[in-house]
């Protein structure tokens, strides 16, 4: 069974090493890990509200049971919340979508040469399943985010 904190750090590290992805949001420092720690960062909503345009926050969402190829597995769920960058700082209004494309097609320079979708980011797990991206609207904060959810399947102890 994976350690979610270690997994977040490995995911962030891989994403920070995709040049086209980090170029779309202003650099690798804009990909952040969410680790709930007392007293600094215990409320996710507070950290989400502190995101600056272009920044992305990787968060562990939970683990659910599943089945794959007649095996019982764990599906470790992670999410990336990305606040679109200011359109005045990108060359076209669609340039911020490069981030979403590179989440799947980007090749981490510190990886094994595979695209992110085929890269074993977490050694104990298979490559990630195809992610789902939606627009997340926070009415209270009056902000829109891109939210990408993806799973890493891990064959459990049977």
Protein backbone atom coordinates (compact mmCIF):
# COMPACT_ATOMS: atom_id res chain seq x y z
CA UNK A 1 0.00 0.00 0.00
CA UNK A 2 1.43 3.37 -1.00
CA UNK A 3 2.04 6.28 1.34
CA UNK A 4 -0.14 9.14 0.00
CA UNK A 5 2.32 11.82 1.12
CA UNK A 6 5.20 10.16 -0.73
CA UNK A 7 2.95 9.66 -3.76
CA UNK A 8 2.04 13.36 -3.89
CA UNK A 9 5.72 14.31 -3.80
CA UNK A 10 6.54 11.86 -6.63
CA UNK A 11 3.66 13.20 -8.76
CA UNK A 12 4.69 16.82 -8.18
CA UNK A 13 8.31 15.99 -8.99
CA UNK A 14 7.31 14.31 -12.28
CA UNK A 15 5.07 17.23 -13.27
CA UNK A 16 7.78 19.76 -12.41
CA UNK A 17 10.06 17.98 -14.90
CA UNK A 18 7.74 18.37 -17.91
CA UNK A 19 9.14 21.43 -19.66
CA UNK A 20 6.10 22.19 -21.83
CA UNK A 21 3.78 21.83 -18.83
CA UNK A 22 5.78 24.11 -16.55
CA UNK A 23 6.29 26.58 -19.40
CA UNK A 24 2.51 26.88 -19.75
CA UNK A 25 2.12 28.01 -16.13
CA UNK A 26 5.24 30.07 -15.48
CA UNK A 27 7.71 27.52 -14.14
CA UNK A 28 8.03 24.40 -11.97
CA UNK A 29 7.62 26.41 -8.76
CA UNK A 30 3.93 26.84 -9.68
CA UNK A 31 3.17 23.14 -9.16
CA UNK A 32 2.52 22.69 -5.46
CA UNK A 33 1.86 19.72 -3.18
CA UNK A 34 -1.00 19.81 -0.70
CA UNK A 35 -0.06 18.13 2.57
CA UNK A 36 -2.50 18.80 5.42
CA UNK A 37 -0.28 19.82 8.33
CA UNK A 38 -1.24 21.44 11.60
CA UNK A 39 -1.19 24.41 12.21
CA UNK A 40 -0.05 25.77 8.84
CA UNK A 41 -2.11 24.01 6.21
CA UNK A 42 -5.03 22.12 7.70
CA UNK A 43 -7.84 23.60 5.61
CA UNK A 44 -7.73 22.75 1.92
CA UNK A 45 -10.21 25.51 1.02
CA UNK A 46 -7.85 28.09 2.51
CA UNK A 47 -4.91 26.80 0.45
CA UNK A 48 -7.08 26.69 -2.65
CA UNK A 49 -8.13 30.30 -2.13
CA UNK A 50 -4.44 31.28 -1.90
CA UNK A 51 -3.59 29.92 -5.36
CA UNK A 52 -2.30 32.54 -7.75
CA UNK A 53 -3.20 32.53 -11.45
CA UNK A 54 -1.34 29.71 -13.17
CA UNK A 55 -0.54 27.74 -10.03
CA UNK A 56 -1.55 24.10 -9.64
CA UNK A 57 -2.12 22.19 -6.41
CA UNK A 58 -1.82 18.37 -6.26
CA UNK A 59 -3.98 16.70 -3.61
CA UNK A 60 -4.64 13.14 -2.45
CA UNK A 61 -8.39 12.44 -2.71
CA UNK A 62 -8.59 8.95 -1.25
CA UNK A 63 -8.32 5.26 -2.04
CA UNK A 64 -11.18 3.06 -3.20
CA UNK A 65 -11.39 -0.67 -3.93
CA UNK A 66 -11.62 -1.95 -7.47
CA UNK A 67 -11.16 -4.96 -9.73
CA UNK A 68 -8.87 -5.31 -12.71
CA UNK A 69 -8.00 -8.44 -14.63
CA UNK A 70 -9.60 -10.60 -11.93
CA UNK A 71 -7.46 -8.95 -9.25
CA UNK A 72 -8.60 -6.93 -6.30
CA UNK A 73 -6.89 -3.56 -6.48
CA UNK A 74 -6.62 -0.23 -4.76
CA UNK A 75 -7.42 2.84 -6.86
CA UNK A 76 -5.48 5.74 -5.39
CA UNK A 77 -7.21 8.96 -6.42
CA UNK A 78 -5.43 12.28 -6.84
CA UNK A 79 -6.57 15.64 -8.07
CA UNK A 80 -4.90 18.68 -9.54
CA UNK A 81 -6.57 22.04 -9.06
CA UNK A 82 -5.20 24.57 -11.53
CA UNK A 83 -6.17 28.20 -11.56
CA UNK A 84 -5.99 29.42 -15.17
CA UNK A 85 -3.25 31.99 -15.73
CA UNK A 86 -4.03 35.60 -16.55
CA UNK A 87 -4.73 35.75 -20.28
CA UNK A 88 -2.69 38.93 -20.49
CA UNK A 89 0.44 36.91 -19.73
CA UNK A 90 -0.05 34.18 -22.36
CA UNK A 91 0.33 34.48 -26.09
CA UNK A 92 -3.19 33.32 -26.96
CA UNK A 93 -6.35 32.84 -24.99
CA UNK A 94 -6.06 29.07 -25.53
CA UNK A 95 -2.44 28.77 -24.41
CA UNK A 96 -3.43 27.84 -20.86
CA UNK A 97 -4.91 24.59 -22.18
CA UNK A 98 -1.34 23.44 -22.88
CA UNK A 99 -1.12 22.55 -19.19
CA UNK A 100 -4.03 20.11 -19.53
CA UNK A 101 -2.61 18.51 -22.68
CA UNK A 102 0.81 18.08 -21.07
CA UNK A 103 -0.69 16.31 -18.04
CA UNK A 104 -1.24 13.39 -20.42
CA UNK A 105 1.26 13.84 -23.26
CA UNK A 106 4.15 15.48 -21.45
CA UNK A 107 7.35 13.50 -20.95
CA UNK A 108 8.99 13.97 -17.53
CA UNK A 109 12.69 14.65 -18.08
CA UNK A 110 13.50 12.68 -14.91
CA UNK A 111 11.38 9.72 -16.03
CA UNK A 112 11.81 6.67 -18.23
CA UNK A 113 11.11 8.40 -21.56
CA UNK A 114 7.38 7.64 -21.59
CA UNK A 115 4.56 10.15 -21.74
CA UNK A 116 3.00 10.91 -18.36
CA UNK A 117 0.01 8.67 -19.19
CA UNK A 118 2.37 5.67 -19.60
CA UNK A 119 4.98 6.58 -16.97
CA UNK A 120 5.16 4.60 -13.72
CA UNK A 121 5.22 7.65 -11.46
CA UNK A 122 4.54 5.50 -8.40
CA UNK A 123 6.76 2.39 -8.43
CA UNK A 124 4.18 0.26 -6.58
CA UNK A 125 1.41 1.15 -9.05
CA UNK A 126 0.54 0.76 -12.70
CA UNK A 127 0.63 3.92 -14.84
CA UNK A 128 -2.25 6.29 -14.21
CA UNK A 129 -5.66 5.71 -15.72
CA UNK A 130 -6.89 8.25 -18.26
CA UNK A 131 -7.66 11.39 -16.24
CA UNK A 132 -10.91 13.30 -16.17
CA UNK A 133 -10.76 17.11 -16.42
CA UNK A 134 -13.64 19.38 -15.50
CA UNK A 135 -14.18 23.00 -14.61
CA UNK A 136 -14.58 23.43 -10.87
CA UNK A 137 -16.49 26.57 -9.92
CA UNK A 138 -16.20 27.73 -6.35
CA UNK A 139 -19.13 30.06 -5.79
CA UNK A 140 -17.97 31.07 -2.34
CA UNK A 141 -14.50 32.10 -3.53
CA UNK A 142 -15.85 33.32 -6.88
CA UNK A 143 -13.18 31.48 -8.85
CA UNK A 144 -13.03 28.88 -11.58
CA UNK A 145 -10.43 26.11 -11.56
CA UNK A 146 -9.53 23.28 -13.84
CA UNK A 147 -9.84 20.10 -11.84
CA UNK A 148 -8.15 16.97 -13.16
CA UNK A 149 -8.76 13.70 -11.33
CA UNK A 150 -6.66 10.63 -11.99
CA UNK A 151 -6.15 7.20 -10.44
CA UNK A 152 -3.12 5.03 -9.93
CA UNK A 153 -4.11 1.34 -9.71
CA UNK A 154 -2.21 -0.84 -7.23
CA UNK A 155 -2.72 -4.58 -7.02
CA UNK A 156 -3.43 -5.30 -3.37
CA UNK A 157 -2.43 -8.14 -1.14
CA UNK A 158 -4.90 -10.93 -1.88
